Amino acid sequence: MPPETRTPGKTSRRVPTDAAATPADIAAAIEALTPAQWARLRRYADYRILKLGPKADSRTRDDLLQSALADLLEDKRRWPKEKVDFVRFLAEGMRSISSNWARTYDPEEVPVLETDLLRENEGGELSGPLDNARAKGTDVERRLHDAQTLEQIGRLFADDEEAQKVLMAFDDGYDPAGARELWNLSQKQCNTIMRRIRRTLAKAGLTADRNERGF
């Protein structure tokens, strides 16, 4: 496994010192985590490692969770405790770290020839994983629209902690049942949050035919 490539002291969306949790706040928050909350964090870490596939580069869920905690304790990532729930903060940290691992992964360190991945169908035709990507091409305009929509959705729910948790789970590929389990929500709680999300999106003109989340 290669050494970490993160720059010491560098973090995205830097939180001002006066708005960040103190070391005492952080220690108390870690100490206060319940077994159920630790279990949810480990499940989320499992999911992110699974999603990375070979890009995890032998890292485990514990490596990911410890990296998120280390970034916090070493002041590389600051927790705005008045705005963000601690469990969600750690989940977002793991999401950011694992995404960085994916971006910095060098496939040439473990070279695989495309010919090694070719598969033969019933008609005797060979195809590889790159064929589908080549056929699809790159839809720059669609990607830009999706990014703008996600940014708009983020602003709409900036003050809704519960909705942010559910949206983050959906964005990571969880279905409603998975989102409920991840954040320990009852069916009634999840239904209430979903109704609130739908109403807010509809009011903003982001109806089901304009986004891919199924709201």
N, C-alpha and C. Protein backbone atom coordinates (compact mmCIF):
# COMPACT_ATOMS: atom_id res chain seq x y z
N MET A 1 0.85 -1.19 0.00
CA MET A 1 0.00 0.00 0.00
C MET A 1 0.88 1.24 0.00
N PRO A 2 0.64 2.19 -0.91
CA PRO A 2 1.48 3.37 -1.01
C PRO A 2 1.27 4.31 0.16
N PRO A 3 2.23 5.18 0.44
CA PRO A 3 2.05 6.15 1.54
C PRO A 3 0.99 7.15 1.20
N GLU A 4 0.42 7.78 2.22
CA GLU A 4 -0.61 8.78 2.01
C GLU A 4 -0.04 9.97 1.25
N THR A 5 -0.87 10.57 0.39
CA THR A 5 -0.42 11.69 -0.42
C THR A 5 -1.05 13.00 0.01
N ARG A 6 -1.82 12.98 1.10
CA ARG A 6 -2.46 14.22 1.54
C ARG A 6 -1.43 15.18 2.11
N THR A 7 -1.65 16.43 1.87
CA THR A 7 -0.72 17.45 2.34
C THR A 7 -1.01 17.80 3.79
N PRO A 8 -0.02 17.70 4.69
CA PRO A 8 -0.26 18.03 6.11
C PRO A 8 -0.81 19.43 6.27
N GLY A 9 -1.83 19.54 7.10
CA GLY A 9 -2.39 20.84 7.41
C GLY A 9 -3.35 21.38 6.37
N LYS A 10 -3.52 20.62 5.26
CA LYS A 10 -4.39 21.11 4.21
C LYS A 10 -5.74 20.45 4.30
N THR A 11 -6.80 21.20 4.19
CA THR A 11 -8.15 20.65 4.23
C THR A 11 -9.05 21.47 3.34
N SER A 12 -10.11 20.81 2.85
CA SER A 12 -11.06 21.53 2.01
C SER A 12 -12.12 22.18 2.89
N ARG A 13 -12.71 23.24 2.37
CA ARG A 13 -13.78 23.94 3.10
C ARG A 13 -13.35 24.21 4.55
N ARG A 14 -12.21 24.86 4.71
CA ARG A 14 -11.63 25.11 6.03
C ARG A 14 -12.59 25.85 6.94
N VAL A 15 -12.82 25.32 8.11
CA VAL A 15 -13.72 25.93 9.09
C VAL A 15 -12.91 26.90 9.94
N PRO A 16 -13.39 28.13 10.13
CA PRO A 16 -12.64 29.09 10.97
C PRO A 16 -12.43 28.54 12.37
N THR A 17 -11.33 28.92 12.98
CA THR A 17 -10.98 28.41 14.31
C THR A 17 -12.08 28.64 15.33
N ASP A 18 -12.69 29.84 15.31
CA ASP A 18 -13.71 30.14 16.32
C ASP A 18 -15.01 29.37 16.11
N ALA A 19 -15.17 28.73 14.94
CA ALA A 19 -16.38 27.95 14.67
C ALA A 19 -16.11 26.45 14.77
N ALA A 20 -14.85 26.09 14.96
CA ALA A 20 -14.48 24.67 14.99
C ALA A 20 -14.51 24.11 16.40
N ALA A 21 -14.75 22.81 16.49
CA ALA A 21 -14.74 22.14 17.79
C ALA A 21 -13.34 22.16 18.38
N THR A 22 -13.26 22.26 19.69
CA THR A 22 -11.97 22.24 20.38
C THR A 22 -11.53 20.79 20.57
N PRO A 23 -10.26 20.56 20.90
CA PRO A 23 -9.82 19.19 21.19
C PRO A 23 -10.66 18.53 22.29
N ALA A 24 -11.07 19.30 23.27
CA ALA A 24 -11.91 18.75 24.33
C ALA A 24 -13.28 18.33 23.78
N ASP A 25 -13.84 19.17 22.89
CA ASP A 25 -15.12 18.84 22.26
C ASP A 25 -15.01 17.53 21.47
N ILE A 26 -13.91 17.40 20.74
CA ILE A 26 -13.70 16.22 19.90
C ILE A 26 -13.56 14.97 20.77
N ALA A 27 -12.75 15.08 21.82
CA ALA A 27 -12.56 13.93 22.72
C ALA A 27 -13.89 13.51 23.34
N ALA A 28 -14.70 14.49 23.73
CA ALA A 28 -16.00 14.18 24.35
C ALA A 28 -16.94 13.53 23.34
N ALA A 29 -16.90 14.01 22.09
CA ALA A 29 -17.78 13.46 21.05
C ALA A 29 -17.40 12.02 20.73
N ILE A 30 -16.11 11.74 20.67
CA ILE A 30 -15.66 10.36 20.40
C ILE A 30 -16.06 9.45 21.55
N GLU A 31 -15.85 9.93 22.76
CA GLU A 31 -16.20 9.15 23.95
C GLU A 31 -17.70 8.87 24.02
N ALA A 32 -18.50 9.81 23.50
CA ALA A 32 -19.96 9.69 23.59
C ALA A 32 -20.57 8.82 22.50
N LEU A 33 -19.78 8.41 21.51
CA LEU A 33 -20.32 7.57 20.44
C LEU A 33 -20.83 6.25 21.03
N THR A 34 -22.04 5.90 20.68
CA THR A 34 -22.65 4.67 21.19
C THR A 34 -22.23 3.48 20.32
N PRO A 35 -22.40 2.26 20.82
CA PRO A 35 -22.11 1.08 19.99
C PRO A 35 -22.88 1.09 18.68
N ALA A 36 -24.12 1.55 18.72
CA ALA A 36 -24.93 1.61 17.49
C ALA A 36 -24.34 2.61 16.49
N GLN A 37 -23.85 3.74 17.00
CA GLN A 37 -23.25 4.73 16.11
C GLN A 37 -21.93 4.22 15.52
N TRP A 38 -21.13 3.55 16.34
CA TRP A 38 -19.90 2.94 15.81
C TRP A 38 -20.24 1.92 14.73
N ALA A 39 -21.29 1.16 14.95
CA ALA A 39 -21.70 0.14 13.97
C ALA A 39 -22.12 0.80 12.65
N ARG A 40 -22.85 1.93 12.75
CA ARG A 40 -23.27 2.62 11.53
C ARG A 40 -22.06 3.17 10.79
N LEU A 41 -21.10 3.72 11.52
CA LEU A 41 -19.89 4.25 10.88
C LEU A 41 -19.10 3.12 10.20
N ARG A 42 -19.03 1.97 10.85
CA ARG A 42 -18.29 0.85 10.25
C ARG A 42 -19.02 0.32 9.01
N ARG A 43 -20.36 0.30 9.06
CA ARG A 43 -21.11 -0.13 7.88
C ARG A 43 -20.86 0.82 6.71
N TYR A 44 -20.84 2.11 7.02
CA TYR A 44 -20.60 3.09 5.97
C TYR A 44 -19.18 2.93 5.42
N ALA A 45 -18.21 2.70 6.30
CA ALA A 45 -16.83 2.49 5.87
C ALA A 45 -16.73 1.24 5.00
N ASP A 46 -17.44 0.18 5.39
CA ASP A 46 -17.47 -1.04 4.58
C ASP A 46 -17.97 -0.73 3.17
N TYR A 47 -19.05 0.06 3.11
CA TYR A 47 -19.64 0.39 1.82
C TYR A 47 -18.66 1.17 0.95
N ARG A 48 -17.97 2.16 1.54
CA ARG A 48 -17.03 2.96 0.76
C ARG A 48 -15.85 2.12 0.26
N ILE A 49 -15.35 1.19 1.09
CA ILE A 49 -14.25 0.31 0.68
C ILE A 49 -14.73 -0.61 -0.44
N LEU A 50 -15.94 -1.14 -0.30
CA LEU A 50 -16.50 -2.01 -1.34
C LEU A 50 -16.64 -1.24 -2.65
N LYS A 51 -17.08 0.00 -2.56
CA LYS A 51 -17.27 0.81 -3.75
C LYS A 51 -15.92 1.12 -4.43
N LEU A 52 -14.86 1.25 -3.64
CA LEU A 52 -13.53 1.50 -4.21
C LEU A 52 -13.01 0.32 -5.01
N GLY A 53 -13.36 -0.88 -4.60
CA GLY A 53 -12.85 -2.06 -5.29
C GLY A 53 -11.33 -2.11 -5.21
N PRO A 54 -10.64 -2.37 -6.33
CA PRO A 54 -9.17 -2.45 -6.30
C PRO A 54 -8.50 -1.14 -5.91
N LYS A 55 -9.23 -0.03 -6.04
CA LYS A 55 -8.65 1.27 -5.69
C LYS A 55 -8.47 1.44 -4.19
N ALA A 56 -9.07 0.53 -3.43
CA ALA A 56 -8.84 0.56 -1.98
C ALA A 56 -7.39 0.20 -1.68
N ASP A 57 -6.75 -0.53 -2.59
CA ASP A 57 -5.31 -0.83 -2.47
C ASP A 57 -4.97 -1.45 -1.12
N SER A 58 -5.70 -2.49 -0.75
CA SER A 58 -5.48 -3.26 0.49
C SER A 58 -5.93 -2.53 1.75
N ARG A 59 -6.46 -1.32 1.62
CA ARG A 59 -6.97 -0.63 2.81
C ARG A 59 -8.29 -1.27 3.25
N THR A 60 -8.56 -1.18 4.54
CA THR A 60 -9.77 -1.77 5.11
C THR A 60 -10.69 -0.69 5.64
N ARG A 61 -11.85 -1.12 6.10
CA ARG A 61 -12.80 -0.15 6.68
C ARG A 61 -12.19 0.54 7.90
N ASP A 62 -11.40 -0.21 8.68
CA ASP A 62 -10.78 0.38 9.86
C ASP A 62 -9.75 1.43 9.47
N ASP A 63 -9.03 1.19 8.38
CA ASP A 63 -8.08 2.19 7.88
C ASP A 63 -8.82 3.48 7.51
N LEU A 64 -9.97 3.32 6.88
CA LEU A 64 -10.74 4.49 6.45
C LEU A 64 -11.28 5.25 7.65
N LEU A 65 -11.85 4.55 8.61
CA LEU A 65 -12.40 5.20 9.80
C LEU A 65 -11.28 5.88 10.60
N GLN A 66 -10.15 5.20 10.74
CA GLN A 66 -9.03 5.79 11.48
C GLN A 66 -8.47 7.02 10.75
N SER A 67 -8.48 7.01 9.43
CA SER A 67 -8.02 8.17 8.67
C SER A 67 -8.92 9.38 8.92
N ALA A 68 -10.24 9.13 8.99
CA ALA A 68 -11.17 10.22 9.25
C ALA A 68 -10.95 10.80 10.64
N LEU A 69 -10.74 9.93 11.62
CA LEU A 69 -10.47 10.39 12.98
C LEU A 69 -9.12 11.12 13.06
N ALA A 70 -8.12 10.59 12.35
CA ALA A 70 -6.79 11.22 12.38
C ALA A 70 -6.84 12.61 11.76
N ASP A 71 -7.56 12.77 10.66
CA ASP A 71 -7.68 14.09 10.03
C ASP A 71 -8.28 15.10 11.00
N LEU A 72 -9.23 14.64 11.79
CA LEU A 72 -9.88 15.52 12.77
C LEU A 72 -8.93 15.85 13.92
N LEU A 73 -8.29 14.85 14.46
CA LEU A 73 -7.41 15.05 15.61
C LEU A 73 -6.15 15.83 15.24
N GLU A 74 -5.72 15.72 13.97
CA GLU A 74 -4.52 16.44 13.52
C GLU A 74 -4.86 17.79 12.90
N ASP A 75 -6.12 18.20 13.00
CA ASP A 75 -6.57 19.51 12.52
C ASP A 75 -6.44 19.66 11.00
N LYS A 76 -6.50 18.54 10.28
CA LYS A 76 -6.53 18.61 8.82
C LYS A 76 -7.96 18.82 8.32
N ARG A 77 -8.92 18.46 9.18
CA ARG A 77 -10.32 18.65 8.85
C ARG A 77 -11.01 19.09 10.14
N ARG A 78 -11.73 20.19 10.08
CA ARG A 78 -12.34 20.75 11.29
C ARG A 78 -13.84 20.48 11.34
N TRP A 79 -14.30 20.22 12.54
CA TRP A 79 -15.71 19.90 12.76
C TRP A 79 -16.46 21.13 13.24
N PRO A 80 -17.40 21.66 12.42
CA PRO A 80 -18.25 22.77 12.87
C PRO A 80 -19.40 22.20 13.69
N LYS A 81 -19.14 21.95 14.96
CA LYS A 81 -20.07 21.17 15.78
C LYS A 81 -21.44 21.79 15.96
N GLU A 82 -21.55 23.09 15.75
CA GLU A 82 -22.87 23.72 15.89
C GLU A 82 -23.72 23.51 14.63
N LYS A 83 -23.10 23.07 13.55
CA LYS A 83 -23.82 22.93 12.28
C LYS A 83 -23.97 21.48 11.82
N VAL A 84 -23.03 20.62 12.20
CA VAL A 84 -23.01 19.27 11.65
C VAL A 84 -22.94 18.23 12.77
N ASP A 85 -23.83 17.26 12.70
CA ASP A 85 -23.83 16.14 13.63
C ASP A 85 -22.50 15.38 13.51
N PHE A 86 -21.96 14.89 14.64
CA PHE A 86 -20.63 14.29 14.64
C PHE A 86 -20.56 13.03 13.78
N VAL A 87 -21.59 12.19 13.84
CA VAL A 87 -21.58 10.97 13.04
C VAL A 87 -21.59 11.30 11.55
N ARG A 88 -22.41 12.27 11.16
CA ARG A 88 -22.45 12.65 9.75
C ARG A 88 -21.12 13.28 9.34
N PHE A 89 -20.51 14.05 10.25
CA PHE A 89 -19.22 14.66 9.94
C PHE A 89 -18.17 13.58 9.64
N LEU A 90 -18.13 12.53 10.46
CA LEU A 90 -17.17 11.46 10.23
C LEU A 90 -17.49 10.71 8.93
N ALA A 91 -18.78 10.51 8.66
CA ALA A 91 -19.17 9.84 7.42
C ALA A 91 -18.75 10.66 6.20
N GLU A 92 -18.95 11.98 6.28
CA GLU A 92 -18.53 12.83 5.17
C GLU A 92 -17.01 12.81 5.02
N GLY A 93 -16.31 12.73 6.15
CA GLY A 93 -14.85 12.64 6.10
C GLY A 93 -14.40 11.37 5.40
N MET A 94 -15.03 10.25 5.72
CA MET A 94 -14.68 8.99 5.08
C MET A 94 -15.01 9.03 3.59
N ARG A 95 -16.10 9.68 3.27
CA ARG A 95 -16.46 9.81 1.86
C ARG A 95 -15.40 10.62 1.11
N SER A 96 -14.97 11.71 1.68
CA SER A 96 -13.96 12.56 1.05
C SER A 96 -12.62 11.84 0.92
N ILE A 97 -12.20 11.16 1.98
CA ILE A 97 -10.93 10.45 1.97
C ILE A 97 -10.93 9.33 0.94
N SER A 98 -12.01 8.53 0.92
CA SER A 98 -12.06 7.42 -0.03
C SER A 98 -12.12 7.92 -1.47
N SER A 99 -12.78 9.05 -1.68
CA SER A 99 -12.81 9.64 -3.03
C SER A 99 -11.40 10.08 -3.44
N ASN A 100 -10.65 10.60 -2.46
CA ASN A 100 -9.27 11.00 -2.74
C ASN A 100 -8.40 9.78 -3.05
N TRP A 101 -8.62 8.68 -2.34
CA TRP A 101 -7.89 7.45 -2.64
C TRP A 101 -8.17 7.01 -4.08
N ALA A 102 -9.44 7.12 -4.49
CA ALA A 102 -9.80 6.72 -5.85
C ALA A 102 -9.11 7.62 -6.88
N ARG A 103 -9.07 8.92 -6.60
CA ARG A 103 -8.46 9.87 -7.55
C ARG A 103 -6.96 9.66 -7.68
N THR A 104 -6.31 9.31 -6.57
CA THR A 104 -4.84 9.20 -6.58
C THR A 104 -4.36 7.78 -6.85
N TYR A 105 -5.28 6.85 -7.05
CA TYR A 105 -4.90 5.47 -7.33
C TYR A 105 -4.19 5.39 -8.68
N ASP A 106 -3.08 4.69 -8.73
CA ASP A 106 -2.32 4.54 -9.96
C ASP A 106 -2.45 3.10 -10.45
N PRO A 107 -3.29 2.87 -11.46
CA PRO A 107 -3.51 1.49 -11.92
C PRO A 107 -2.27 0.86 -12.52
N GLU A 108 -1.29 1.69 -12.90
CA GLU A 108 -0.09 1.13 -13.51
C GLU A 108 0.78 0.41 -12.50
N GLU A 109 0.50 0.64 -11.21
CA GLU A 109 1.25 -0.09 -10.20
C GLU A 109 0.87 -1.57 -10.20
N VAL A 110 -0.36 -1.87 -10.66
CA VAL A 110 -0.80 -3.25 -10.81
C VAL A 110 -1.35 -3.37 -12.22
N PRO A 111 -0.48 -3.46 -13.24
CA PRO A 111 -0.93 -3.43 -14.62
C PRO A 111 -1.81 -4.62 -14.98
N VAL A 112 -2.88 -4.33 -15.69
CA VAL A 112 -3.77 -5.36 -16.20
C VAL A 112 -4.03 -5.07 -17.66
N LEU A 113 -3.76 -6.04 -18.53
CA LEU A 113 -3.99 -5.85 -19.95
C LEU A 113 -5.47 -5.98 -20.25
N GLU A 114 -5.94 -5.12 -21.16
CA GLU A 114 -7.36 -5.22 -21.52
C GLU A 114 -7.66 -6.59 -22.10
N THR A 115 -6.69 -7.21 -22.79
CA THR A 115 -6.93 -8.53 -23.37
C THR A 115 -7.20 -9.57 -22.29
N ASP A 116 -6.68 -9.31 -21.07
CA ASP A 116 -6.94 -10.24 -19.98
C ASP A 116 -8.37 -10.16 -19.48
N LEU A 117 -9.07 -9.07 -19.85
CA LEU A 117 -10.44 -8.86 -19.36
C LEU A 117 -11.49 -9.14 -20.42
N LEU A 118 -11.05 -9.58 -21.61
CA LEU A 118 -12.00 -9.86 -22.68
C LEU A 118 -12.89 -11.04 -22.32
N ARG A 119 -14.15 -10.95 -22.73
CA ARG A 119 -15.11 -12.01 -22.49
C ARG A 119 -15.77 -12.39 -23.82
N GLU A 120 -16.10 -13.66 -23.96
CA GLU A 120 -16.72 -14.14 -25.19
C GLU A 120 -18.19 -14.43 -24.92
N ASN A 121 -19.08 -13.87 -25.76
CA ASN A 121 -20.51 -14.12 -25.59
C ASN A 121 -20.91 -15.41 -26.31
N GLU A 122 -22.21 -15.72 -26.30
CA GLU A 122 -22.68 -16.97 -26.88
C GLU A 122 -22.45 -17.01 -28.39
N GLY A 123 -22.37 -15.84 -29.00
CA GLY A 123 -22.15 -15.79 -30.44
C GLY A 123 -20.68 -15.83 -30.82
N GLY A 124 -19.81 -15.96 -29.83
CA GLY A 124 -18.39 -16.03 -30.11
C GLY A 124 -17.72 -14.68 -30.26
N GLU A 125 -18.45 -13.58 -29.96
CA GLU A 125 -17.88 -12.24 -30.09
C GLU A 125 -17.18 -11.85 -28.79
N LEU A 126 -16.03 -11.20 -28.96
CA LEU A 126 -15.26 -10.75 -27.80
C LEU A 126 -15.58 -9.30 -27.48
N SER A 127 -15.67 -8.99 -26.20
CA SER A 127 -15.88 -7.61 -25.77
C SER A 127 -15.14 -7.38 -24.46
N GLY A 128 -14.75 -6.12 -24.25
CA GLY A 128 -14.02 -5.76 -23.04
C GLY A 128 -14.73 -4.66 -22.29
N PRO A 129 -14.30 -4.35 -21.08
CA PRO A 129 -14.96 -3.33 -20.25
C PRO A 129 -14.86 -1.94 -20.85
N LEU A 130 -13.89 -1.70 -21.72
CA LEU A 130 -13.74 -0.37 -22.28
C LEU A 130 -14.68 -0.13 -23.45
N ASP A 131 -15.22 -1.20 -24.02
CA ASP A 131 -16.10 -1.03 -25.19
C ASP A 131 -17.31 -0.18 -24.86
N ASN A 132 -17.93 -0.46 -23.71
CA ASN A 132 -19.12 0.28 -23.33
C ASN A 132 -18.80 1.74 -23.06
N ALA A 133 -17.65 1.99 -22.42
CA ALA A 133 -17.24 3.36 -22.14
C ALA A 133 -16.98 4.12 -23.44
N ARG A 134 -16.35 3.47 -24.40
CA ARG A 134 -16.09 4.12 -25.67
C ARG A 134 -17.38 4.45 -26.39
N ALA A 135 -18.37 3.55 -26.28
CA ALA A 135 -19.64 3.76 -26.97
C ALA A 135 -20.40 4.94 -26.38
N LYS A 136 -20.31 5.09 -25.06
CA LYS A 136 -21.07 6.15 -24.40
C LYS A 136 -20.46 7.54 -24.62
N GLY A 137 -19.14 7.59 -24.68
CA GLY A 137 -18.49 8.89 -24.84
C GLY A 137 -18.64 9.73 -23.58
N THR A 138 -18.45 11.04 -23.72
CA THR A 138 -18.55 11.94 -22.58
C THR A 138 -19.59 13.00 -22.84
N ASP A 139 -20.60 13.05 -21.99
CA ASP A 139 -21.66 14.03 -22.14
C ASP A 139 -21.37 15.19 -21.20
N VAL A 140 -20.57 16.14 -21.67
CA VAL A 140 -20.13 17.25 -20.82
C VAL A 140 -21.31 18.09 -20.34
N GLU A 141 -22.24 18.37 -21.23
CA GLU A 141 -23.37 19.21 -20.87
C GLU A 141 -24.21 18.56 -19.77
N ARG A 142 -24.42 17.24 -19.86
CA ARG A 142 -25.20 16.54 -18.85
C ARG A 142 -24.47 16.56 -17.51
N ARG A 143 -23.17 16.34 -17.54
CA ARG A 143 -22.39 16.36 -16.30
C ARG A 143 -22.46 17.72 -15.63
N LEU A 144 -22.39 18.77 -16.42
CA LEU A 144 -22.46 20.12 -15.87
C LEU A 144 -23.83 20.36 -15.25
N HIS A 145 -24.87 19.92 -15.93
CA HIS A 145 -26.23 20.08 -15.39
C HIS A 145 -26.39 19.33 -14.07
N ASP A 146 -25.86 18.09 -14.02
CA ASP A 146 -25.96 17.30 -12.79
C ASP A 146 -25.23 17.98 -11.64
N ALA A 147 -24.05 18.53 -11.92
CA ALA A 147 -23.27 19.20 -10.88
C ALA A 147 -24.01 20.42 -10.35
N GLN A 148 -24.61 21.18 -11.27
CA GLN A 148 -25.35 22.37 -10.85
C GLN A 148 -26.57 21.99 -10.03
N THR A 149 -27.25 20.89 -10.43
CA THR A 149 -28.43 20.43 -9.70
C THR A 149 -28.04 19.98 -8.29
N LEU A 150 -26.94 19.22 -8.16
CA LEU A 150 -26.48 18.77 -6.85
C LEU A 150 -26.13 19.95 -5.96
N GLU A 151 -25.51 20.97 -6.53
CA GLU A 151 -25.16 22.16 -5.76
C GLU A 151 -26.42 22.86 -5.27
N GLN A 152 -27.43 22.94 -6.14
CA GLN A 152 -28.69 23.58 -5.76
C GLN A 152 -29.38 22.80 -4.64
N ILE A 153 -29.39 21.47 -4.76
CA ILE A 153 -29.99 20.63 -3.73
C ILE A 153 -29.27 20.81 -2.40
N GLY A 154 -27.94 20.90 -2.46
CA GLY A 154 -27.17 21.12 -1.24
C GLY A 154 -27.56 22.39 -0.53
N ARG A 155 -27.80 23.45 -1.31
CA ARG A 155 -28.21 24.74 -0.71
C ARG A 155 -29.61 24.63 -0.12
N LEU A 156 -30.50 23.91 -0.79
CA LEU A 156 -31.88 23.80 -0.31
C LEU A 156 -31.96 23.15 1.07
N PHE A 157 -31.06 22.20 1.33
CA PHE A 157 -31.13 21.44 2.58
C PHE A 157 -29.97 21.75 3.52
N ALA A 158 -29.39 22.94 3.35
CA ALA A 158 -28.23 23.32 4.17
C ALA A 158 -28.55 23.32 5.66
N ASP A 159 -29.80 23.60 6.02
CA ASP A 159 -30.18 23.68 7.44
C ASP A 159 -31.02 22.49 7.89
N ASP A 160 -31.09 21.46 7.07
CA ASP A 160 -31.90 20.29 7.40
C ASP A 160 -30.98 19.08 7.57
N GLU A 161 -30.55 18.83 8.80
CA GLU A 161 -29.59 17.77 9.09
C GLU A 161 -30.10 16.40 8.66
N GLU A 162 -31.36 16.10 8.96
CA GLU A 162 -31.91 14.79 8.64
C GLU A 162 -31.97 14.56 7.13
N ALA A 163 -32.42 15.58 6.41
CA ALA A 163 -32.49 15.45 4.96
C ALA A 163 -31.11 15.27 4.35
N GLN A 164 -30.12 15.97 4.89
CA GLN A 164 -28.75 15.84 4.39
C GLN A 164 -28.25 14.40 4.54
N LYS A 165 -28.55 13.78 5.66
CA LYS A 165 -28.12 12.40 5.88
C LYS A 165 -28.74 11.46 4.86
N VAL A 166 -30.04 11.60 4.66
CA VAL A 166 -30.73 10.73 3.71
C VAL A 166 -30.23 10.97 2.29
N LEU A 167 -30.06 12.24 1.92
CA LEU A 167 -29.57 12.57 0.58
C LEU A 167 -28.16 12.03 0.36
N MET A 168 -27.32 12.11 1.37
CA MET A 168 -25.96 11.60 1.24
C MET A 168 -25.98 10.09 1.02
N ALA A 169 -26.86 9.39 1.74
CA ALA A 169 -26.96 7.94 1.57
C ALA A 169 -27.44 7.60 0.16
N PHE A 170 -28.45 8.33 -0.33
CA PHE A 170 -28.95 8.09 -1.68
C PHE A 170 -27.87 8.37 -2.72
N ASP A 171 -27.10 9.43 -2.49
CA ASP A 171 -26.05 9.81 -3.43
C ASP A 171 -24.97 8.74 -3.49
N ASP A 172 -24.82 7.98 -2.40
CA ASP A 172 -23.83 6.90 -2.36
C ASP A 172 -24.41 5.57 -2.86
N GLY A 173 -25.65 5.59 -3.31
CA GLY A 173 -26.22 4.38 -3.89
C GLY A 173 -27.09 3.56 -2.98
N TYR A 174 -27.33 4.03 -1.75
CA TYR A 174 -28.22 3.31 -0.85
C TYR A 174 -29.67 3.45 -1.31
N ASP A 175 -30.47 2.41 -1.13
CA ASP A 175 -31.90 2.53 -1.34
C ASP A 175 -32.53 3.02 -0.03
N PRO A 176 -33.86 3.33 -0.02
CA PRO A 176 -34.47 3.83 1.22
C PRO A 176 -34.27 2.93 2.43
N ALA A 177 -34.35 1.61 2.21
CA ALA A 177 -34.15 0.69 3.33
C ALA A 177 -32.73 0.78 3.85
N GLY A 178 -31.77 0.90 2.94
CA GLY A 178 -30.37 1.03 3.35
C GLY A 178 -30.11 2.33 4.08
N ALA A 179 -30.75 3.41 3.62
CA ALA A 179 -30.59 4.71 4.29
C ALA A 179 -31.16 4.65 5.70
N ARG A 180 -32.30 3.98 5.86
CA ARG A 180 -32.89 3.84 7.20
C ARG A 180 -31.95 3.09 8.13
N GLU A 181 -31.36 2.00 7.62
CA GLU A 181 -30.46 1.20 8.46
C GLU A 181 -29.19 1.97 8.79
N LEU A 182 -28.64 2.67 7.79
CA LEU A 182 -27.40 3.40 8.00
C LEU A 182 -27.55 4.44 9.10
N TRP A 183 -28.64 5.19 9.06
CA TRP A 183 -28.81 6.29 10.02
C TRP A 183 -29.77 5.94 11.16
N ASN A 184 -30.15 4.65 11.26
CA ASN A 184 -30.98 4.18 12.37
C ASN A 184 -32.29 4.95 12.46
N LEU A 185 -32.97 5.05 11.32
CA LEU A 185 -34.25 5.75 11.25
C LEU A 185 -35.39 4.75 11.24
N SER A 186 -36.49 5.12 11.86
CA SER A 186 -37.68 4.29 11.77
C SER A 186 -38.36 4.54 10.42
N GLN A 187 -39.26 3.65 10.07
CA GLN A 187 -39.99 3.83 8.80
C GLN A 187 -40.75 5.15 8.82
N LYS A 188 -41.36 5.48 9.96
CA LYS A 188 -42.12 6.73 10.07
C LYS A 188 -41.20 7.94 9.91
N GLN A 189 -40.04 7.91 10.57
CA GLN A 189 -39.10 9.02 10.44
C GLN A 189 -38.64 9.20 9.00
N CYS A 190 -38.31 8.09 8.35
CA CYS A 190 -37.82 8.15 6.97
C CYS A 190 -38.91 8.69 6.05
N ASN A 191 -40.14 8.23 6.24
CA ASN A 191 -41.25 8.71 5.41
C ASN A 191 -41.44 10.22 5.58
N THR A 192 -41.34 10.70 6.82
CA THR A 192 -41.49 12.13 7.09
C THR A 192 -40.39 12.93 6.40
N ILE A 193 -39.17 12.44 6.49
CA ILE A 193 -38.04 13.13 5.85
C ILE A 193 -38.21 13.13 4.33
N MET A 194 -38.63 11.99 3.78
CA MET A 194 -38.82 11.89 2.33
C MET A 194 -39.89 12.85 1.83
N ARG A 195 -40.99 12.96 2.61
CA ARG A 195 -42.05 13.91 2.21
C ARG A 195 -41.51 15.33 2.23
N ARG A 196 -40.71 15.64 3.24
CA ARG A 196 -40.13 16.99 3.34
C ARG A 196 -39.19 17.27 2.16
N ILE A 197 -38.40 16.26 1.79
CA ILE A 197 -37.49 16.41 0.66
C ILE A 197 -38.28 16.63 -0.63
N ARG A 198 -39.31 15.82 -0.83
CA ARG A 198 -40.12 15.96 -2.05
C ARG A 198 -40.76 17.33 -2.15
N ARG A 199 -41.33 17.81 -1.03
CA ARG A 199 -41.99 19.12 -1.05
C ARG A 199 -40.99 20.22 -1.37
N THR A 200 -39.81 20.14 -0.75
CA THR A 200 -38.79 21.18 -0.98
C THR A 200 -38.31 21.16 -2.42
N LEU A 201 -38.09 19.96 -2.97
CA LEU A 201 -37.63 19.86 -4.35
C LEU A 201 -38.70 20.34 -5.33
N ALA A 202 -39.96 19.98 -5.03
CA ALA A 202 -41.05 20.40 -5.91
C ALA A 202 -41.18 21.93 -5.91
N LYS A 203 -41.05 22.52 -4.73
CA LYS A 203 -41.16 23.97 -4.62
C LYS A 203 -40.04 24.66 -5.40
N ALA A 204 -38.87 23.99 -5.48
CA ALA A 204 -37.73 24.56 -6.21
C ALA A 204 -37.75 24.21 -7.69
N GLY A 205 -38.77 23.44 -8.10
CA GLY A 205 -38.87 23.06 -9.50
C GLY A 205 -38.05 21.86 -9.87
N LEU A 206 -37.53 21.14 -8.86
CA LEU A 206 -36.72 19.95 -9.11
C LEU A 206 -37.59 18.72 -8.93
N THR A 207 -38.48 18.49 -9.86
CA THR A 207 -39.40 17.35 -9.78
C THR A 207 -38.70 16.10 -10.25
N ALA A 208 -39.39 14.97 -10.14
CA ALA A 208 -38.76 13.66 -10.42
C ALA A 208 -38.18 13.58 -11.81
N ASP A 209 -38.77 14.28 -12.79
CA ASP A 209 -38.25 14.17 -14.16
C ASP A 209 -37.03 15.04 -14.36
N ARG A 210 -36.61 15.80 -13.32
CA ARG A 210 -35.46 16.65 -13.47
C ARG A 210 -34.27 16.23 -12.60
N ASN A 211 -34.44 15.15 -11.86
CA ASN A 211 -33.31 14.61 -11.12
C ASN A 211 -33.42 13.10 -11.09
N GLU A 212 -32.38 12.41 -10.71
CA GLU A 212 -32.31 10.96 -10.83
C GLU A 212 -32.38 10.26 -9.48
N ARG A 213 -32.86 10.95 -8.47
CA ARG A 213 -32.90 10.34 -7.14
C ARG A 213 -34.21 9.61 -6.88
N GLY A 214 -35.19 9.82 -7.74
CA GLY A 214 -36.43 9.10 -7.57
C GLY A 214 -37.39 9.74 -6.60
N PHE A 215 -37.25 11.04 -6.32
CA PHE A 215 -38.14 11.70 -5.36
C PHE A 215 -39.45 12.08 -6.04
